[in-house]
Amino acid sequence: MTKKRTAAANGAGWSSGFVGRLEVHADRSGRRNWPPEAKGRLVRESLAPGATVSGVARRHGLMPQQLTRWRRLARQGRLALPEAPETAGAADAGAFAALVVAEDPPPEPATAAERSIELVVGTVVVRLPATTPAVRLAEIAAALEVRR
């Protein structure tokens, strides 16, 4: 046999924006089974400006640790939160905006005159075209090292 506990929104101490009726089922041992919608509403209430986890938990007969766990589940995306009553139909003030990453435009292709390879050995600087073969670069670098 299950018991139903209900609380009307106009109850004492519930002026923090909680709207509607909250149904919680309890089994024979007294353990309460909170539906996901009720968990989401309580988490939403605890996230309101000025609300504290312990205050919301106390008003609804919860341990603060339980509400903290539900908040963690909501942060991880494992518990859905209902839309805030004041933002119903509007964009949620606490929601994140979509991130759009624009790629940098590709650099202008360098002209043949701009592309070059510089070999610097001591005070000697040798500029060669970018099309110079690697073997030739190695030969010039070796010759510059011997002259040092």
C-alpha atoms as a PDB file:
ATOM      1  CA  MET A   1       0.000   0.000   0.000  1.00  0.00           C
ATOM      2  CA  THR A   2       1.406   3.394  -0.922  1.00  0.00           C
ATOM      3  CA  LYS A   3       0.644   6.694   0.723  1.00  0.00           C
ATOM      4  CA  LYS A   4       0.409   9.951  -1.205  1.00  0.00           C
ATOM      5  CA  ARG A   5       1.712  13.200   0.186  1.00  0.00           C
ATOM      6  CA  THR A   6       0.530  16.321  -1.533  1.00  0.00           C
ATOM      7  CA  ALA A   7       1.283  19.971  -0.915  1.00  0.00           C
ATOM      8  CA  ALA A   8      -0.559  22.890  -2.411  1.00  0.00           C
ATOM      9  CA  ALA A   9       1.432  25.822  -3.756  1.00  0.00           C
ATOM     10  CA  ASN A  10      -0.187  28.256  -1.353  1.00  0.00           C
ATOM     11  CA  GLY A  11       1.211  26.465   1.711  1.00  0.00           C
ATOM     12  CA  ALA A  12       3.076  28.366   4.404  1.00  0.00           C
ATOM     13  CA  GLY A  13       6.654  29.226   3.528  1.00  0.00           C
ATOM     14  CA  TRP A  14       6.319  28.346  -0.150  1.00  0.00           C
ATOM     15  CA  SER A  15       6.484  31.840  -1.565  1.00  0.00           C
ATOM     16  CA  SER A  16       9.688  31.198  -3.506  1.00  0.00           C
ATOM     17  CA  GLY A  17       7.976  30.575  -6.826  1.00  0.00           C
ATOM     18  CA  PHE A  18       6.960  26.925  -6.452  1.00  0.00           C
ATOM     19  CA  VAL A  19       3.883  26.430  -8.583  1.00  0.00           C
ATOM     20  CA  GLY A  20       1.491  23.532  -8.612  1.00  0.00           C
ATOM     21  CA  ARG A  21       1.012  20.370  -6.655  1.00  0.00           C
ATOM     22  CA  LEU A  22       3.759  18.032  -5.531  1.00  0.00           C
ATOM     23  CA  GLU A  23       2.984  14.316  -5.258  1.00  0.00           C
ATOM     24  CA  VAL A  24       5.417  12.046  -3.492  1.00  0.00           C
ATOM     25  CA  HIS A  25       4.773   8.334  -3.009  1.00  0.00           C
ATOM     26  CA  ALA A  26       5.988   6.608   0.154  1.00  0.00           C
ATOM     27  CA  ASP A  27       6.341   2.851   0.575  1.00  0.00           C
ATOM     28  CA  ARG A  28       5.707   0.844   3.754  1.00  0.00           C
ATOM     29  CA  SER A  29       9.126   1.631   5.204  1.00  0.00           C
ATOM     30  CA  GLY A  30       8.466   5.369   4.854  1.00  0.00           C
ATOM     31  CA  ARG A  31      10.966   5.806   2.043  1.00  0.00           C
ATOM     32  CA  ARG A  32       9.683   8.415  -0.379  1.00  0.00           C
ATOM     33  CA  ASN A  33       9.855   8.032  -4.124  1.00  0.00           C
ATOM     34  CA  TRP A  34      10.130  11.456  -5.754  1.00  0.00           C
ATOM     35  CA  PRO A  35       9.041  11.637  -9.401  1.00  0.00           C
ATOM     36  CA  PRO A  36      11.573  13.288 -11.754  1.00  0.00           C
ATOM     37  CA  GLU A  37       9.224  16.251 -12.319  1.00  0.00           C
ATOM     38  CA  ALA A  38       9.120  16.967  -8.574  1.00  0.00           C
ATOM     39  CA  LYS A  39      12.902  16.656  -8.305  1.00  0.00           C
ATOM     40  CA  GLY A  40      13.291  19.094 -11.190  1.00  0.00           C
ATOM     41  CA  ARG A  41      10.916  21.597  -9.594  1.00  0.00           C
ATOM     42  CA  LEU A  42      12.751  21.470  -6.276  1.00  0.00           C
ATOM     43  CA  VAL A  43      16.126  21.878  -7.992  1.00  0.00           C
ATOM     44  CA  ARG A  44      14.729  24.850  -9.969  1.00  0.00           C
ATOM     45  CA  GLU A  45      13.456  26.356  -6.705  1.00  0.00           C
ATOM     46  CA  SER A  46      16.877  25.896  -5.060  1.00  0.00           C
ATOM     47  CA  LEU A  47      18.549  27.704  -7.975  1.00  0.00           C
ATOM     48  CA  ALA A  48      16.395  30.815  -7.556  1.00  0.00           C
ATOM     49  CA  PRO A  49      18.242  33.979  -6.470  1.00  0.00           C
ATOM     50  CA  GLY A  50      18.447  34.136  -2.679  1.00  0.00           C
ATOM     51  CA  ALA A  51      17.359  30.506  -2.186  1.00  0.00           C
ATOM     52  CA  THR A  52      19.536  28.113  -0.218  1.00  0.00           C
ATOM     53  CA  VAL A  53      19.720  24.352  -0.528  1.00  0.00           C
ATOM     54  CA  SER A  54      19.078  23.863   3.174  1.00  0.00           C
ATOM     55  CA  GLY A  55      16.101  26.240   3.153  1.00  0.00           C
ATOM     56  CA  VAL A  56      14.406  24.545   0.204  1.00  0.00           C
ATOM     57  CA  ALA A  57      15.171  21.097   1.630  1.00  0.00           C
ATOM     58  CA  ARG A  58      13.745  22.070   5.022  1.00  0.00           C
ATOM     59  CA  ARG A  59      10.514  23.420   3.468  1.00  0.00           C
ATOM     60  CA  HIS A  60       9.920  20.155   1.613  1.00  0.00           C
ATOM     61  CA  GLY A  61      11.053  17.714   4.304  1.00  0.00           C
ATOM     62  CA  LEU A  62      14.276  16.668   2.550  1.00  0.00           C
ATOM     63  CA  MET A  63      17.826  16.258   3.705  1.00  0.00           C
ATOM     64  CA  PRO A  64      20.051  18.935   2.078  1.00  0.00           C
ATOM     65  CA  GLN A  65      22.359  16.179   0.794  1.00  0.00           C
ATOM     66  CA  GLN A  66      19.510  14.706  -1.270  1.00  0.00           C
ATOM     67  CA  LEU A  67      18.747  18.042  -2.919  1.00  0.00           C
ATOM     68  CA  THR A  68      22.463  18.595  -3.544  1.00  0.00           C
ATOM     69  CA  ARG A  69      22.612  15.219  -5.327  1.00  0.00           C
ATOM     70  CA  TRP A  70      19.653  16.176  -7.520  1.00  0.00           C
ATOM     71  CA  ARG A  71      21.355  19.477  -8.369  1.00  0.00           C
ATOM     72  CA  ARG A  72      24.487  17.556  -9.400  1.00  0.00           C
ATOM     73  CA  LEU A  73      22.373  15.258 -11.606  1.00  0.00           C
ATOM     74  CA  ALA A  74      20.805  18.330 -13.224  1.00  0.00           C
ATOM     75  CA  ARG A  75      24.260  19.823 -13.914  1.00  0.00           C
ATOM     76  CA  GLN A  76      25.307  16.546 -15.543  1.00  0.00           C
ATOM     77  CA  GLY A  77      22.180  16.594 -17.714  1.00  0.00           C
ATOM     78  CA  ARG A  78      20.706  13.510 -16.048  1.00  0.00           C
ATOM     79  CA  LEU A  79      17.749  15.359 -14.497  1.00  0.00           C
ATOM     80  CA  ALA A  80      15.535  17.672 -16.530  1.00  0.00           C
ATOM     81  CA  LEU A  81      14.521  20.980 -15.012  1.00  0.00           C
ATOM     82  CA  PRO A  82      11.114  22.475 -15.730  1.00  0.00           C
ATOM     83  CA  GLU A  83      10.881  25.886 -17.325  1.00  0.00           C
ATOM     84  CA  ALA A  84      10.972  28.709 -14.783  1.00  0.00           C
ATOM     85  CA  PRO A  85       7.477  30.248 -14.346  1.00  0.00           C
ATOM     86  CA  GLU A  86       8.708  33.809 -14.976  1.00  0.00           C
ATOM     87  CA  THR A  87      10.469  32.799 -18.186  1.00  0.00           C
ATOM     88  CA  ALA A  88       7.775  30.547 -19.621  1.00  0.00           C
ATOM     89  CA  GLY A  89       7.643  31.162 -23.328  1.00  0.00           C
ATOM     90  CA  ALA A  90      10.846  33.236 -23.291  1.00  0.00           C
ATOM     91  CA  ALA A  91      14.483  32.250 -23.498  1.00  0.00           C
ATOM     92  CA  ASP A  92      15.734  30.962 -20.162  1.00  0.00           C
ATOM     93  CA  ALA A  93      17.975  33.550 -18.500  1.00  0.00           C
ATOM     94  CA  GLY A  94      20.209  30.813 -17.093  1.00  0.00           C
ATOM     95  CA  ALA A  95      20.631  28.981 -20.395  1.00  0.00           C
ATOM     96  CA  PHE A  96      23.846  29.001 -22.331  1.00  0.00           C
ATOM     97  CA  ALA A  97      24.128  30.558 -25.751  1.00  0.00           C
ATOM     98  CA  ALA A  98      25.258  28.442 -28.657  1.00  0.00           C
ATOM     99  CA  LEU A  99      28.968  28.668 -29.368  1.00  0.00           C
ATOM    100  CA  VAL A 100      29.881  29.420 -32.956  1.00  0.00           C
ATOM    101  CA  VAL A 101      33.519  29.124 -33.920  1.00  0.00           C
ATOM    102  CA  ALA A 102      34.511  30.901 -37.091  1.00  0.00           C
ATOM    103  CA  GLU A 103      37.601  29.673 -38.815  1.00  0.00           C
ATOM    104  CA  ASP A 104      40.293  32.180 -39.666  1.00  0.00           C
ATOM    105  CA  PRO A 105      40.341  32.974 -43.350  1.00  0.00           C
ATOM    106  CA  PRO A 106      43.175  31.238 -45.180  1.00  0.00           C
ATOM    107  CA  PRO A 107      46.233  33.441 -45.593  1.00  0.00           C
ATOM    108  CA  GLU A 108      46.844  35.027 -48.949  1.00  0.00           C
ATOM    109  CA  PRO A 109      49.163  32.838 -50.998  1.00  0.00           C
ATOM    110  CA  ALA A 110      52.666  34.248 -50.937  1.00  0.00           C
ATOM    111  CA  THR A 111      54.202  35.231 -54.231  1.00  0.00           C
ATOM    112  CA  ALA A 112      57.354  33.510 -55.417  1.00  0.00           C
ATOM    113  CA  ALA A 113      59.351  36.611 -54.455  1.00  0.00           C
ATOM    114  CA  GLU A 114      58.003  36.530 -50.893  1.00  0.00           C
ATOM    115  CA  ARG A 115      58.700  32.815 -50.390  1.00  0.00           C
ATOM    116  CA  SER A 116      62.315  32.193 -49.532  1.00  0.00           C
ATOM    117  CA  ILE A 117      64.554  30.171 -47.252  1.00  0.00           C
ATOM    118  CA  GLU A 118      67.137  31.870 -45.069  1.00  0.00           C
ATOM    119  CA  LEU A 119      70.267  30.117 -43.901  1.00  0.00           C
ATOM    120  CA  VAL A 120      71.928  32.031 -41.057  1.00  0.00           C
ATOM    121  CA  VAL A 121      75.368  30.989 -39.863  1.00  0.00           C
ATOM    122  CA  GLY A 122      77.042  33.508 -37.576  1.00  0.00           C
ATOM    123  CA  THR A 123      76.873  36.853 -39.330  1.00  0.00           C
ATOM    124  CA  VAL A 124      76.321  35.371 -42.798  1.00  0.00           C
ATOM    125  CA  VAL A 125      72.726  35.257 -44.156  1.00  0.00           C
ATOM    126  CA  VAL A 126      71.979  33.378 -47.388  1.00  0.00           C
ATOM    127  CA  ARG A 127      68.501  33.750 -48.929  1.00  0.00           C
ATOM    128  CA  LEU A 128      67.433  31.076 -51.399  1.00  0.00           C
ATOM    129  CA  PRO A 129      64.192  30.538 -53.320  1.00  0.00           C
ATOM    130  CA  ALA A 130      61.679  28.207 -51.685  1.00  0.00           C
ATOM    131  CA  THR A 131      62.010  25.877 -54.648  1.00  0.00           C
ATOM    132  CA  THR A 132      65.677  25.095 -53.851  1.00  0.00           C
ATOM    133  CA  PRO A 133      66.126  21.317 -53.468  1.00  0.00           C
ATOM    134  CA  ALA A 134      66.904  20.004 -49.989  1.00  0.00           C
ATOM    135  CA  VAL A 135      70.187  18.460 -51.186  1.00  0.00           C
ATOM    136  CA  ARG A 136      71.386  21.862 -52.407  1.00  0.00           C
ATOM    137  CA  LEU A 137      70.367  23.489 -49.086  1.00  0.00           C
ATOM    138  CA  ALA A 138      72.386  20.852 -47.191  1.00  0.00           C
ATOM    139  CA  GLU A 139      75.410  21.465 -49.391  1.00  0.00           C
ATOM    140  CA  ILE A 140      75.278  25.239 -48.845  1.00  0.00           C
ATOM    141  CA  ALA A 141      74.753  24.825 -45.100  1.00  0.00           C
ATOM    142  CA  ALA A 142      77.754  22.471 -44.880  1.00  0.00           C
ATOM    143  CA  ALA A 143      79.907  24.897 -46.873  1.00  0.00           C
ATOM    144  CA  LEU A 144      78.954  27.766 -44.552  1.00  0.00           C
ATOM    145  CA  GLU A 145      79.825  25.680 -41.482  1.00  0.00           C
ATOM    146  CA  VAL A 146      83.303  24.870 -42.900  1.00  0.00           C
ATOM    147  CA  ARG A 147      83.983  28.582 -43.515  1.00  0.00           C
ATOM    148  CA  ARG A 148      83.194  29.385 -39.919  1.00  0.00           C
END
